[in-house]
Structures are given as C-alpha cells and as structure tokens.
Amino acid sequence: MPRLIIATGNAHKVVEIKEALDQAKIDLQVLSLKDLDQVPEIVEDGTTFAENVHKKTAALQSVYPADYILADDSGLTIPALGGEPGVYSARYAGDHDDAANNAKVLTKLAGKSGTERQAHFTTVMELIGPGREDLVVSGQVDGLITEEPAGDNLFGYDPIFYYEPAGKTFAQMTVDEKNHVSHRGRALEQLVAAMPIWLNK
C-alpha cells in the first residue's frame, strides 16, 4: 500500500486527516513524524505560509523520495497589525506559548475597535509525490479578535478568535463545530476532493 507521510507529530492532526481520507475512500498507509526512523531537520524560515510548507515537504522528500508527503502551515493574520503575527504565529511572544501569544495580540490591539480587530486564520497544505506536480490548497476563515479570551478549548489563538456566524470564539466550539468551519477544515476538504485525480495521474 502506498505511504502518506504527514509532516507533523500532532496526533489530533493525523486522526483528522485519516478520517477525511477514509470518508473519501482514499486508501493510503498514513504515517506521522513519530513513525519515522529518520526525521530531517526542518527549518521554517520562510516569509509566507506557502514557503514554510514547501520547506517541510522538500526536507522529508529528500529522505523519503518514494512516498507521498503532506505538510501544512497555519497562522493568524491581523491587517491592523500589518499582517502580524502571520508566519510567526506559533512563536509571536518568543517561545511557543499560546497564552503569551494571545496576551501580546490583545495588548497590541488595546484601544482598537470594529474593523481594526478583523483577523483571519489561514492554512496552506501541500501534497507531493514521485513524478507528480505539487498539489497546493489553502483555506481561510474570517473573524474578529475579542477583548479578552473566552472558551475552554485552549489551542493557539482560538480563545481570542470570534467567529461571527457561530456567535462564539473557536475555543467555545466543540471540535466538530470548529472543524466544520475552520481554515484547516476548508483546506483539507479541498485537498481530499483533488486527491483521487492527482493520485491517478
């Protein structure tokens, strides 16, 4: 069975992708970084999400050239802050610290209201494989930055990202609710829809 290596050690992401592939009846052996004997160093120093995601797939392809490789990069963009945190979303406040990152955003937006609090989450996914053109998809969801964190699902910027159609923050949603409308969910939906044709080229 062909192998699909997902460039993540995040078990939740792996399950989410496996479920989407199963629903689409795409039969691949799915592996994460935790399943590999050798994991190359991946330096995410690109200036865009697309650049960073390609660095991940290229690094893995150099070690596993016969396999399909899928990577993604996501982040929060706030136009009023000149596009920050953008590609620096995970380490905006220094170390990878969600609470500190959220606090920094709220501090920078202090005194701002209305459209100045607009933001969007973006995910870019890239799938590569031997003898095939790179398949790149993206998903975006728009929202507003709240005045203070709300919700119990404390992942990334979810507690301060208010999704107007649902009337709550991402952190106040169930996992299923969020996956249905999220940037990752939208990108994954496009990817899975395109994969059958891509795999049979």
N, C-alpha and C. Protein backbone atom coordinates (compact mmCIF):
# COMPACT_ATOMS: atom_id res chain seq x y z
N MET A 1 0.85 -1.19 0.00
CA MET A 1 0.00 0.00 0.00
C MET A 1 0.89 1.25 0.00
N PRO A 2 0.58 2.25 -0.85
CA PRO A 2 1.37 3.48 -0.86
C PRO A 2 1.33 4.17 0.50
N ARG A 3 2.43 4.84 0.83
CA ARG A 3 2.52 5.51 2.13
C ARG A 3 2.35 7.02 1.97
N LEU A 4 1.63 7.59 2.92
CA LEU A 4 1.50 9.05 3.02
C LEU A 4 2.13 9.48 4.33
N ILE A 5 3.19 10.27 4.24
CA ILE A 5 3.85 10.79 5.43
C ILE A 5 3.31 12.19 5.70
N ILE A 6 2.77 12.39 6.89
CA ILE A 6 2.26 13.70 7.28
C ILE A 6 3.33 14.38 8.13
N ALA A 7 3.71 15.58 7.74
CA ALA A 7 4.82 16.28 8.40
C ALA A 7 4.37 16.91 9.71
N THR A 8 3.97 16.05 10.64
CA THR A 8 3.55 16.51 11.96
C THR A 8 3.72 15.40 12.98
N GLY A 9 3.87 15.80 14.22
CA GLY A 9 3.86 14.84 15.32
C GLY A 9 2.58 14.97 16.13
N ASN A 10 1.69 15.85 15.65
CA ASN A 10 0.43 16.15 16.33
C ASN A 10 -0.60 15.04 16.04
N ALA A 11 -0.91 14.25 17.05
CA ALA A 11 -1.80 13.10 16.88
C ALA A 11 -3.19 13.53 16.41
N HIS A 12 -3.67 14.68 16.89
CA HIS A 12 -5.00 15.16 16.50
C HIS A 12 -5.06 15.43 15.00
N LYS A 13 -4.01 16.07 14.46
CA LYS A 13 -3.97 16.35 13.02
C LYS A 13 -4.00 15.05 12.21
N VAL A 14 -3.24 14.06 12.68
CA VAL A 14 -3.16 12.78 11.98
C VAL A 14 -4.53 12.11 11.92
N VAL A 15 -5.23 12.09 13.04
CA VAL A 15 -6.57 11.49 13.10
C VAL A 15 -7.52 12.22 12.16
N GLU A 16 -7.46 13.55 12.19
CA GLU A 16 -8.33 14.37 11.35
C GLU A 16 -8.12 14.04 9.86
N ILE A 17 -6.86 13.92 9.46
CA ILE A 17 -6.55 13.63 8.05
C ILE A 17 -6.94 12.19 7.70
N LYS A 18 -6.66 11.25 8.60
CA LYS A 18 -7.05 9.85 8.36
C LYS A 18 -8.55 9.73 8.16
N GLU A 19 -9.31 10.40 9.00
CA GLU A 19 -10.77 10.32 8.90
C GLU A 19 -11.25 10.88 7.57
N ALA A 20 -10.66 11.99 7.15
CA ALA A 20 -11.06 12.61 5.87
C ALA A 20 -10.73 11.69 4.70
N LEU A 21 -9.57 11.03 4.75
CA LEU A 21 -9.19 10.10 3.68
C LEU A 21 -10.11 8.88 3.66
N ASP A 22 -10.43 8.37 4.85
CA ASP A 22 -11.33 7.21 4.95
C ASP A 22 -12.70 7.53 4.36
N GLN A 23 -13.23 8.71 4.70
CA GLN A 23 -14.55 9.11 4.20
C GLN A 23 -14.55 9.21 2.67
N ALA A 24 -13.39 9.61 2.11
CA ALA A 24 -13.28 9.75 0.65
C ALA A 24 -12.84 8.44 -0.01
N LYS A 25 -12.67 7.40 0.82
CA LYS A 25 -12.23 6.07 0.33
C LYS A 25 -10.89 6.14 -0.41
N ILE A 26 -9.97 6.94 0.15
CA ILE A 26 -8.61 7.03 -0.38
C ILE A 26 -7.73 6.13 0.49
N ASP A 27 -7.19 5.08 -0.12
CA ASP A 27 -6.52 4.02 0.63
C ASP A 27 -5.00 4.22 0.65
N LEU A 28 -4.51 4.82 1.73
CA LEU A 28 -3.08 5.04 1.91
C LEU A 28 -2.68 4.66 3.33
N GLN A 29 -1.44 4.20 3.49
CA GLN A 29 -0.91 3.95 4.83
C GLN A 29 -0.41 5.29 5.36
N VAL A 30 -1.05 5.80 6.40
CA VAL A 30 -0.73 7.13 6.92
C VAL A 30 0.29 7.04 8.05
N LEU A 31 1.37 7.79 7.90
CA LEU A 31 2.42 7.84 8.92
C LEU A 31 2.63 9.29 9.36
N SER A 32 3.03 9.47 10.62
CA SER A 32 3.41 10.79 11.10
C SER A 32 4.91 10.81 11.35
N LEU A 33 5.44 11.94 11.75
CA LEU A 33 6.87 12.03 12.04
C LEU A 33 7.28 11.05 13.14
N LYS A 34 6.34 10.75 14.03
CA LYS A 34 6.64 9.83 15.14
C LYS A 34 6.84 8.39 14.67
N ASP A 35 6.39 8.10 13.46
CA ASP A 35 6.51 6.73 12.92
C ASP A 35 7.79 6.53 12.11
N LEU A 36 8.56 7.59 11.91
CA LEU A 36 9.72 7.52 11.03
C LEU A 36 11.01 7.21 11.78
N ASP A 37 11.89 6.46 11.13
CA ASP A 37 13.21 6.17 11.72
C ASP A 37 14.11 7.39 11.65
N GLN A 38 13.97 8.15 10.59
CA GLN A 38 14.84 9.30 10.39
C GLN A 38 13.99 10.52 10.05
N VAL A 39 14.13 11.58 10.83
CA VAL A 39 13.39 12.81 10.58
C VAL A 39 14.40 13.93 10.30
N PRO A 40 14.40 14.47 9.10
CA PRO A 40 15.35 15.53 8.78
C PRO A 40 15.03 16.82 9.54
N GLU A 41 16.03 17.65 9.71
CA GLU A 41 15.79 18.95 10.34
C GLU A 41 14.98 19.81 9.39
N ILE A 42 13.93 20.41 9.91
CA ILE A 42 13.08 21.27 9.10
C ILE A 42 13.18 22.69 9.64
N VAL A 43 13.71 23.60 8.84
CA VAL A 43 13.86 24.99 9.26
C VAL A 43 12.76 25.81 8.59
N GLU A 44 11.84 26.31 9.41
CA GLU A 44 10.71 27.09 8.88
C GLU A 44 11.07 28.58 8.94
N ASP A 45 11.85 29.04 7.96
CA ASP A 45 12.26 30.44 7.96
C ASP A 45 11.72 31.19 6.75
N GLY A 46 10.65 30.65 6.17
CA GLY A 46 10.02 31.32 5.02
C GLY A 46 9.27 32.57 5.45
N THR A 47 8.93 33.40 4.47
CA THR A 47 8.20 34.64 4.76
C THR A 47 6.70 34.49 4.49
N THR A 48 6.30 33.33 3.96
CA THR A 48 4.87 33.06 3.73
C THR A 48 4.55 31.65 4.22
N PHE A 49 3.28 31.38 4.41
CA PHE A 49 2.86 30.03 4.81
C PHE A 49 3.24 29.02 3.73
N ALA A 50 3.08 29.41 2.45
CA ALA A 50 3.40 28.51 1.34
C ALA A 50 4.88 28.15 1.32
N GLU A 51 5.74 29.13 1.60
CA GLU A 51 7.19 28.85 1.63
C GLU A 51 7.52 27.86 2.75
N ASN A 52 6.95 28.09 3.91
CA ASN A 52 7.23 27.20 5.05
C ASN A 52 6.74 25.78 4.80
N VAL A 53 5.57 25.66 4.21
CA VAL A 53 5.02 24.32 3.98
C VAL A 53 5.87 23.57 2.96
N HIS A 54 6.40 24.29 1.97
CA HIS A 54 7.24 23.63 0.97
C HIS A 54 8.58 23.20 1.58
N LYS A 55 9.08 23.96 2.52
CA LYS A 55 10.32 23.56 3.20
C LYS A 55 10.13 22.23 3.93
N LYS A 56 8.95 22.05 4.51
CA LYS A 56 8.66 20.79 5.21
C LYS A 56 8.60 19.61 4.24
N THR A 57 7.85 19.78 3.16
CA THR A 57 7.71 18.66 2.22
C THR A 57 9.04 18.34 1.54
N ALA A 58 9.79 19.38 1.17
CA ALA A 58 11.07 19.15 0.49
C ALA A 58 12.07 18.43 1.40
N ALA A 59 12.10 18.82 2.68
CA ALA A 59 13.03 18.18 3.62
C ALA A 59 12.71 16.70 3.76
N LEU A 60 11.43 16.37 3.87
CA LEU A 60 11.04 14.97 4.01
C LEU A 60 11.23 14.19 2.72
N GLN A 61 10.98 14.84 1.59
CA GLN A 61 11.15 14.15 0.31
C GLN A 61 12.62 13.77 0.08
N SER A 62 13.55 14.56 0.63
CA SER A 62 14.97 14.26 0.45
C SER A 62 15.36 12.95 1.13
N VAL A 63 14.59 12.55 2.14
CA VAL A 63 14.87 11.30 2.87
C VAL A 63 13.93 10.18 2.42
N TYR A 64 12.70 10.54 2.04
CA TYR A 64 11.69 9.54 1.66
C TYR A 64 11.15 9.85 0.26
N PRO A 65 12.00 9.71 -0.78
CA PRO A 65 11.60 10.13 -2.14
C PRO A 65 10.50 9.27 -2.77
N ALA A 66 10.27 8.08 -2.27
CA ALA A 66 9.27 7.19 -2.89
C ALA A 66 7.88 7.36 -2.30
N ASP A 67 7.76 8.17 -1.25
CA ASP A 67 6.47 8.30 -0.55
C ASP A 67 5.75 9.60 -0.92
N TYR A 68 4.44 9.60 -0.66
CA TYR A 68 3.67 10.84 -0.71
C TYR A 68 3.91 11.58 0.60
N ILE A 69 4.03 12.90 0.51
CA ILE A 69 4.30 13.69 1.71
C ILE A 69 3.33 14.86 1.76
N LEU A 70 2.71 15.04 2.92
CA LEU A 70 1.73 16.11 3.13
C LEU A 70 2.19 16.98 4.29
N ALA A 71 2.18 18.28 4.07
CA ALA A 71 2.52 19.21 5.15
C ALA A 71 1.55 20.38 5.12
N ASP A 72 1.43 21.04 6.26
CA ASP A 72 0.60 22.24 6.30
C ASP A 72 1.27 23.29 7.18
N ASP A 73 0.88 24.52 6.96
CA ASP A 73 1.32 25.61 7.82
C ASP A 73 0.12 26.52 8.01
N SER A 74 -0.06 26.98 9.22
CA SER A 74 -1.22 27.80 9.54
C SER A 74 -0.81 28.99 10.38
N GLY A 75 -1.65 30.00 10.37
CA GLY A 75 -1.38 31.14 11.23
C GLY A 75 -2.51 32.14 11.23
N LEU A 76 -2.36 33.11 12.10
CA LEU A 76 -3.33 34.18 12.27
C LEU A 76 -2.77 35.46 11.66
N THR A 77 -3.58 36.15 10.87
CA THR A 77 -3.16 37.40 10.26
C THR A 77 -4.12 38.50 10.68
N ILE A 78 -3.56 39.62 11.15
CA ILE A 78 -4.37 40.76 11.60
C ILE A 78 -3.95 41.97 10.78
N PRO A 79 -4.78 42.40 9.82
CA PRO A 79 -4.40 43.52 8.95
C PRO A 79 -4.01 44.78 9.72
N ALA A 80 -4.70 45.09 10.81
CA ALA A 80 -4.40 46.31 11.57
C ALA A 80 -3.02 46.27 12.21
N LEU A 81 -2.43 45.09 12.31
CA LEU A 81 -1.07 44.95 12.85
C LEU A 81 -0.07 44.66 11.73
N GLY A 82 -0.42 45.07 10.51
CA GLY A 82 0.49 44.87 9.39
C GLY A 82 0.66 43.42 9.00
N GLY A 83 -0.36 42.61 9.30
CA GLY A 83 -0.28 41.19 8.95
C GLY A 83 0.27 40.29 10.04
N GLU A 84 0.67 40.90 11.16
CA GLU A 84 1.15 40.08 12.29
C GLU A 84 -0.01 39.28 12.86
N PRO A 85 0.31 38.18 13.56
CA PRO A 85 1.60 37.51 13.71
C PRO A 85 2.03 36.71 12.48
N GLY A 86 1.12 36.36 11.59
CA GLY A 86 1.48 35.70 10.33
C GLY A 86 2.29 34.43 10.51
N VAL A 87 3.42 34.34 9.78
CA VAL A 87 4.24 33.12 9.84
C VAL A 87 4.90 32.94 11.21
N TYR A 88 4.83 33.99 12.03
CA TYR A 88 5.41 33.89 13.38
C TYR A 88 4.36 33.54 14.43
N SER A 89 3.19 33.09 13.99
CA SER A 89 2.07 32.87 14.91
C SER A 89 2.43 31.99 16.10
N ALA A 90 3.16 30.90 15.88
CA ALA A 90 3.45 29.95 16.96
C ALA A 90 4.41 30.53 17.99
N ARG A 91 5.27 31.44 17.56
CA ARG A 91 6.29 31.97 18.47
C ARG A 91 6.25 33.50 18.53
N TYR A 92 5.07 34.06 18.44
CA TYR A 92 4.88 35.51 18.38
C TYR A 92 5.45 36.21 19.61
N ALA A 93 5.27 35.61 20.76
CA ALA A 93 5.75 36.23 22.01
C ALA A 93 7.08 35.63 22.46
N GLY A 94 7.78 34.98 21.55
CA GLY A 94 9.06 34.35 21.91
C GLY A 94 8.94 32.85 21.78
N ASP A 95 8.97 32.17 22.92
CA ASP A 95 8.81 30.72 22.90
C ASP A 95 7.39 30.34 22.49
N HIS A 96 7.21 29.06 22.18
CA HIS A 96 5.89 28.56 21.79
C HIS A 96 4.99 28.55 23.03
N ASP A 97 4.26 29.64 23.24
CA ASP A 97 3.45 29.82 24.45
C ASP A 97 2.13 30.47 24.04
N ASP A 98 1.07 29.67 23.95
CA ASP A 98 -0.21 30.17 23.47
C ASP A 98 -0.74 31.34 24.29
N ALA A 99 -0.69 31.23 25.61
CA ALA A 99 -1.23 32.29 26.47
C ALA A 99 -0.47 33.59 26.26
N ALA A 100 0.85 33.50 26.16
CA ALA A 100 1.67 34.70 25.95
C ALA A 100 1.40 35.31 24.57
N ASN A 101 1.23 34.45 23.57
CA ASN A 101 0.92 34.94 22.22
C ASN A 101 -0.41 35.69 22.21
N ASN A 102 -1.42 35.12 22.86
CA ASN A 102 -2.73 35.77 22.93
C ASN A 102 -2.64 37.11 23.65
N ALA A 103 -1.89 37.12 24.75
CA ALA A 103 -1.74 38.35 25.53
C ALA A 103 -1.07 39.44 24.69
N LYS A 104 -0.09 39.06 23.90
CA LYS A 104 0.61 40.04 23.06
C LYS A 104 -0.33 40.64 22.02
N VAL A 105 -1.16 39.80 21.40
CA VAL A 105 -2.13 40.30 20.42
C VAL A 105 -3.10 41.28 21.08
N LEU A 106 -3.64 40.89 22.24
CA LEU A 106 -4.61 41.74 22.93
C LEU A 106 -3.98 43.07 23.34
N THR A 107 -2.73 43.04 23.77
CA THR A 107 -2.04 44.27 24.15
C THR A 107 -1.86 45.18 22.94
N LYS A 108 -1.46 44.60 21.82
CA LYS A 108 -1.23 45.41 20.61
C LYS A 108 -2.52 45.99 20.05
N LEU A 109 -3.65 45.32 20.31
CA LEU A 109 -4.94 45.80 19.80
C LEU A 109 -5.70 46.64 20.82
N ALA A 110 -5.10 46.88 21.97
CA ALA A 110 -5.76 47.67 23.02
C ALA A 110 -6.18 49.03 22.45
N GLY A 111 -7.44 49.40 22.70
CA GLY A 111 -7.94 50.68 22.23
C GLY A 111 -8.48 50.66 20.81
N LYS A 112 -8.29 49.54 20.12
CA LYS A 112 -8.80 49.43 18.75
C LYS A 112 -10.17 48.75 18.77
N SER A 113 -11.02 49.10 17.81
CA SER A 113 -12.36 48.51 17.79
C SER A 113 -12.82 48.30 16.35
N GLY A 114 -13.97 47.64 16.21
CA GLY A 114 -14.58 47.44 14.90
C GLY A 114 -13.66 46.75 13.91
N THR A 115 -13.53 47.36 12.72
CA THR A 115 -12.77 46.73 11.65
C THR A 115 -11.29 46.58 12.00
N GLU A 116 -10.81 47.37 12.95
CA GLU A 116 -9.39 47.25 13.34
C GLU A 116 -9.11 45.94 14.08
N ARG A 117 -10.17 45.25 14.48
CA ARG A 117 -9.99 43.97 15.17
C ARG A 117 -10.25 42.78 14.24
N GLN A 118 -10.41 43.06 12.95
CA GLN A 118 -10.62 41.97 11.98
C GLN A 118 -9.35 41.12 11.88
N ALA A 119 -9.57 39.83 11.66
CA ALA A 119 -8.44 38.89 11.56
C ALA A 119 -8.87 37.71 10.71
N HIS A 120 -7.90 36.95 10.24
CA HIS A 120 -8.24 35.69 9.59
C HIS A 120 -7.18 34.64 9.86
N PHE A 121 -7.67 33.42 9.96
CA PHE A 121 -6.81 32.25 10.05
C PHE A 121 -6.62 31.70 8.64
N THR A 122 -5.41 31.28 8.34
CA THR A 122 -5.10 30.68 7.05
C THR A 122 -4.37 29.36 7.24
N THR A 123 -4.70 28.38 6.44
CA THR A 123 -3.94 27.13 6.36
C THR A 123 -3.55 26.90 4.91
N VAL A 124 -2.29 26.57 4.68
CA VAL A 124 -1.83 26.13 3.37
C VAL A 124 -1.37 24.69 3.50
N MET A 125 -1.85 23.82 2.61
CA MET A 125 -1.44 22.41 2.60
C MET A 125 -0.78 22.10 1.26
N GLU A 126 0.27 21.30 1.33
CA GLU A 126 0.96 20.88 0.11
C GLU A 126 1.17 19.37 0.15
N LEU A 127 0.80 18.72 -0.95
CA LEU A 127 0.99 17.27 -1.10
C LEU A 127 1.94 17.05 -2.26
N ILE A 128 3.01 16.28 -2.02
CA ILE A 128 3.96 15.99 -3.09
C ILE A 128 4.16 14.48 -3.19
N GLY A 129 4.63 14.05 -4.35
CA GLY A 129 4.88 12.63 -4.56
C GLY A 129 5.72 12.42 -5.79
N PRO A 130 6.30 11.24 -5.93
CA PRO A 130 7.18 10.96 -7.06
C PRO A 130 6.48 11.10 -8.40
N GLY A 131 7.07 11.89 -9.29
CA GLY A 131 6.54 12.03 -10.64
C GLY A 131 5.26 12.83 -10.75
N ARG A 132 4.93 13.59 -9.70
CA ARG A 132 3.69 14.36 -9.73
C ARG A 132 3.96 15.83 -9.42
N GLU A 133 3.13 16.69 -10.00
CA GLU A 133 3.21 18.11 -9.67
C GLU A 133 2.73 18.31 -8.24
N ASP A 134 3.30 19.30 -7.56
CA ASP A 134 2.86 19.60 -6.19
C ASP A 134 1.39 20.01 -6.21
N LEU A 135 0.64 19.49 -5.24
CA LEU A 135 -0.77 19.86 -5.08
C LEU A 135 -0.85 20.79 -3.87
N VAL A 136 -1.23 22.04 -4.12
CA VAL A 136 -1.27 23.04 -3.05
C VAL A 136 -2.70 23.58 -2.93
N VAL A 137 -3.22 23.59 -1.71
CA VAL A 137 -4.55 24.13 -1.44
C VAL A 137 -4.46 25.04 -0.22
N SER A 138 -5.45 25.91 -0.07
CA SER A 138 -5.46 26.77 1.12
C SER A 138 -6.89 26.99 1.59
N GLY A 139 -7.01 27.30 2.87
CA GLY A 139 -8.30 27.60 3.45
C GLY A 139 -8.18 28.81 4.35
N GLN A 140 -9.23 29.62 4.37
CA GLN A 140 -9.20 30.82 5.21
C GLN A 140 -10.55 31.00 5.89
N VAL A 141 -10.51 31.53 7.10
CA VAL A 141 -11.74 31.86 7.80
C VAL A 141 -11.56 33.22 8.47
N ASP A 142 -12.59 34.06 8.33
CA ASP A 142 -12.52 35.43 8.86
C ASP A 142 -13.19 35.52 10.22
N GLY A 143 -12.68 36.42 11.04
CA GLY A 143 -13.26 36.62 12.36
C GLY A 143 -12.81 37.94 12.96
N LEU A 144 -13.06 38.08 14.24
CA LEU A 144 -12.67 39.28 14.99
C LEU A 144 -11.90 38.87 16.23
N ILE A 145 -10.96 39.70 16.63
CA ILE A 145 -10.22 39.45 17.87
C ILE A 145 -11.03 40.02 19.04
N THR A 146 -11.28 39.19 20.03
CA THR A 146 -12.08 39.60 21.18
C THR A 146 -11.27 40.54 22.09
N GLU A 147 -11.96 41.12 23.07
CA GLU A 147 -11.29 41.98 24.05
C GLU A 147 -10.53 41.15 25.08
N GLU A 148 -11.03 39.94 25.32
CA GLU A 148 -10.37 39.04 26.27
C GLU A 148 -10.65 37.59 25.87
N PRO A 149 -9.82 36.65 26.34
CA PRO A 149 -10.02 35.24 25.97
C PRO A 149 -11.36 34.69 26.46
N ALA A 150 -11.93 33.77 25.68
CA ALA A 150 -13.18 33.11 26.08
C ALA A 150 -13.20 31.70 25.52
N GLY A 151 -13.57 30.74 26.38
CA GLY A 151 -13.66 29.35 25.94
C GLY A 151 -12.66 28.45 26.62
N ASP A 152 -12.95 27.16 26.60
CA ASP A 152 -12.14 26.18 27.33
C ASP A 152 -11.18 25.38 26.45
N ASN A 153 -11.40 25.38 25.15
CA ASN A 153 -10.51 24.62 24.26
C ASN A 153 -9.30 25.48 23.91
N LEU A 154 -8.32 25.42 24.80
CA LEU A 154 -7.20 26.36 24.73
C LEU A 154 -6.14 25.92 23.74
N PHE A 155 -6.41 26.15 22.46
CA PHE A 155 -5.46 25.81 21.41
C PHE A 155 -5.13 27.07 20.62
N GLY A 156 -3.86 27.43 20.58
CA GLY A 156 -3.43 28.57 19.78
C GLY A 156 -4.20 29.84 20.11
N TYR A 157 -4.65 30.51 19.06
CA TYR A 157 -5.36 31.78 19.23
C TYR A 157 -6.87 31.60 19.33
N ASP A 158 -7.33 30.36 19.43
CA ASP A 158 -8.77 30.08 19.45
C ASP A 158 -9.54 30.88 20.50
N PRO A 159 -8.99 31.09 21.73
CA PRO A 159 -9.77 31.81 22.74
C PRO A 159 -10.04 33.27 22.42
N ILE A 160 -9.27 33.86 21.49
CA ILE A 160 -9.49 35.28 21.17
C ILE A 160 -10.00 35.48 19.74
N PHE A 161 -10.31 34.37 19.05
CA PHE A 161 -10.79 34.47 17.67
C PHE A 161 -12.30 34.25 17.66
N TYR A 162 -13.05 35.32 17.44
CA TYR A 162 -14.51 35.28 17.46
C TYR A 162 -15.04 35.06 16.05
N TYR A 163 -15.80 33.98 15.89
CA TYR A 163 -16.37 33.64 14.59
C TYR A 163 -17.83 34.08 14.58
N GLU A 164 -18.11 35.16 13.85
CA GLU A 164 -19.43 35.80 13.91
C GLU A 164 -20.61 34.89 13.57
N PRO A 165 -20.53 34.06 12.49
CA PRO A 165 -21.70 33.22 12.18
C PRO A 165 -22.11 32.29 13.32
N ALA A 166 -21.15 31.88 14.15
CA ALA A 166 -21.46 30.98 15.26
C ALA A 166 -21.75 31.75 16.55
N GLY A 167 -21.38 33.02 16.57
CA GLY A 167 -21.61 33.83 17.76
C GLY A 167 -20.73 33.45 18.94
N LYS A 168 -19.57 32.87 18.66
CA LYS A 168 -18.65 32.49 19.75
C LYS A 168 -17.23 32.34 19.22
N THR A 169 -16.30 32.23 20.16
CA THR A 169 -14.91 32.03 19.76
C THR A 169 -14.69 30.58 19.35
N PHE A 170 -13.59 30.36 18.65
CA PHE A 170 -13.23 28.98 18.28
C PHE A 170 -13.06 28.12 19.53
N ALA A 171 -12.58 28.72 20.61
CA ALA A 171 -12.35 27.96 21.85
C ALA A 171 -13.65 27.61 22.56
N GLN A 172 -14.75 28.24 22.18
CA GLN A 172 -16.06 27.92 22.76
C GLN A 172 -16.80 26.87 21.94
N MET A 173 -16.24 26.49 20.80
CA MET A 173 -16.87 25.49 19.94
C MET A 173 -16.43 24.08 20.32
N THR A 174 -17.26 23.10 19.94
CA THR A 174 -16.81 21.71 20.04
C THR A 174 -15.80 21.48 18.91
N VAL A 175 -15.05 20.41 19.00
CA VAL A 175 -14.07 20.08 17.95
C VAL A 175 -14.77 19.92 16.61
N ASP A 176 -15.92 19.24 16.60
CA ASP A 176 -16.66 19.03 15.35
C ASP A 176 -17.15 20.35 14.76
N GLU A 177 -17.66 21.23 15.63
CA GLU A 177 -18.13 22.54 15.16
C GLU A 177 -16.99 23.31 14.49
N LYS A 178 -15.86 23.32 15.16
CA LYS A 178 -14.71 24.07 14.64
C LYS A 178 -14.20 23.46 13.33
N ASN A 179 -14.06 22.14 13.29
CA ASN A 179 -13.55 21.50 12.08
C ASN A 179 -14.43 21.78 10.86
N HIS A 180 -15.72 21.96 11.12
CA HIS A 180 -16.68 22.18 10.04
C HIS A 180 -16.47 23.55 9.37
N VAL A 181 -15.98 24.52 10.12
CA VAL A 181 -15.86 25.89 9.58
C VAL A 181 -14.43 26.40 9.54
N SER A 182 -13.50 25.67 10.11
CA SER A 182 -12.14 26.20 10.27
C SER A 182 -11.36 26.25 8.96
N HIS A 183 -10.30 27.03 8.99
CA HIS A 183 -9.38 27.15 7.87
C HIS A 183 -8.76 25.80 7.52
N ARG A 184 -8.38 25.02 8.54
CA ARG A 184 -7.81 23.69 8.30
C ARG A 184 -8.84 22.78 7.66
N GLY A 185 -10.07 22.83 8.19
CA GLY A 185 -11.13 22.00 7.64
C GLY A 185 -11.41 22.32 6.18
N ARG A 186 -11.39 23.61 5.85
CA ARG A 186 -11.66 24.04 4.47
C ARG A 186 -10.54 23.60 3.53
N ALA A 187 -9.29 23.74 3.99
CA ALA A 187 -8.16 23.32 3.16
C ALA A 187 -8.17 21.80 2.96
N LEU A 188 -8.45 21.08 4.04
CA LEU A 188 -8.46 19.61 3.96
C LEU A 188 -9.56 19.12 3.03
N GLU A 189 -10.69 19.78 3.06
CA GLU A 189 -11.81 19.41 2.17
C GLU A 189 -11.39 19.54 0.70
N GLN A 190 -10.71 20.64 0.38
CA GLN A 190 -10.23 20.85 -1.00
C GLN A 190 -9.19 19.79 -1.38
N LEU A 191 -8.29 19.51 -0.44
CA LEU A 191 -7.22 18.54 -0.70
C LEU A 191 -7.80 17.17 -1.02
N VAL A 192 -8.70 16.71 -0.17
CA VAL A 192 -9.28 15.37 -0.34
C VAL A 192 -10.10 15.29 -1.63
N ALA A 193 -10.75 16.39 -1.99
CA ALA A 193 -11.53 16.40 -3.23
C ALA A 193 -10.62 16.27 -4.46
N ALA A 194 -9.42 16.84 -4.37
CA ALA A 194 -8.49 16.82 -5.51
C ALA A 194 -7.62 15.57 -5.57
N MET A 195 -7.49 14.86 -4.45
CA MET A 195 -6.54 13.75 -4.38
C MET A 195 -6.80 12.58 -5.33
N PRO A 196 -8.04 12.12 -5.51
CA PRO A 196 -8.24 10.96 -6.39
C PRO A 196 -7.69 11.17 -7.80
N ILE A 197 -7.95 12.34 -8.38
CA ILE A 197 -7.43 12.63 -9.73
C ILE A 197 -5.91 12.75 -9.68
N TRP A 198 -5.39 13.43 -8.66
CA TRP A 198 -3.94 13.64 -8.52
C TRP A 198 -3.20 12.31 -8.37
N LEU A 199 -3.77 11.41 -7.58
CA LEU A 199 -3.12 10.11 -7.35
C LEU A 199 -3.11 9.24 -8.59
N ASN A 200 -4.09 9.43 -9.48
CA ASN A 200 -4.21 8.58 -10.66
C ASN A 200 -3.55 9.16 -11.91
N LYS A 201 -2.84 10.27 -11.75
CA LYS A 201 -2.16 10.88 -12.90
C LYS A 201 -0.99 10.00 -13.33
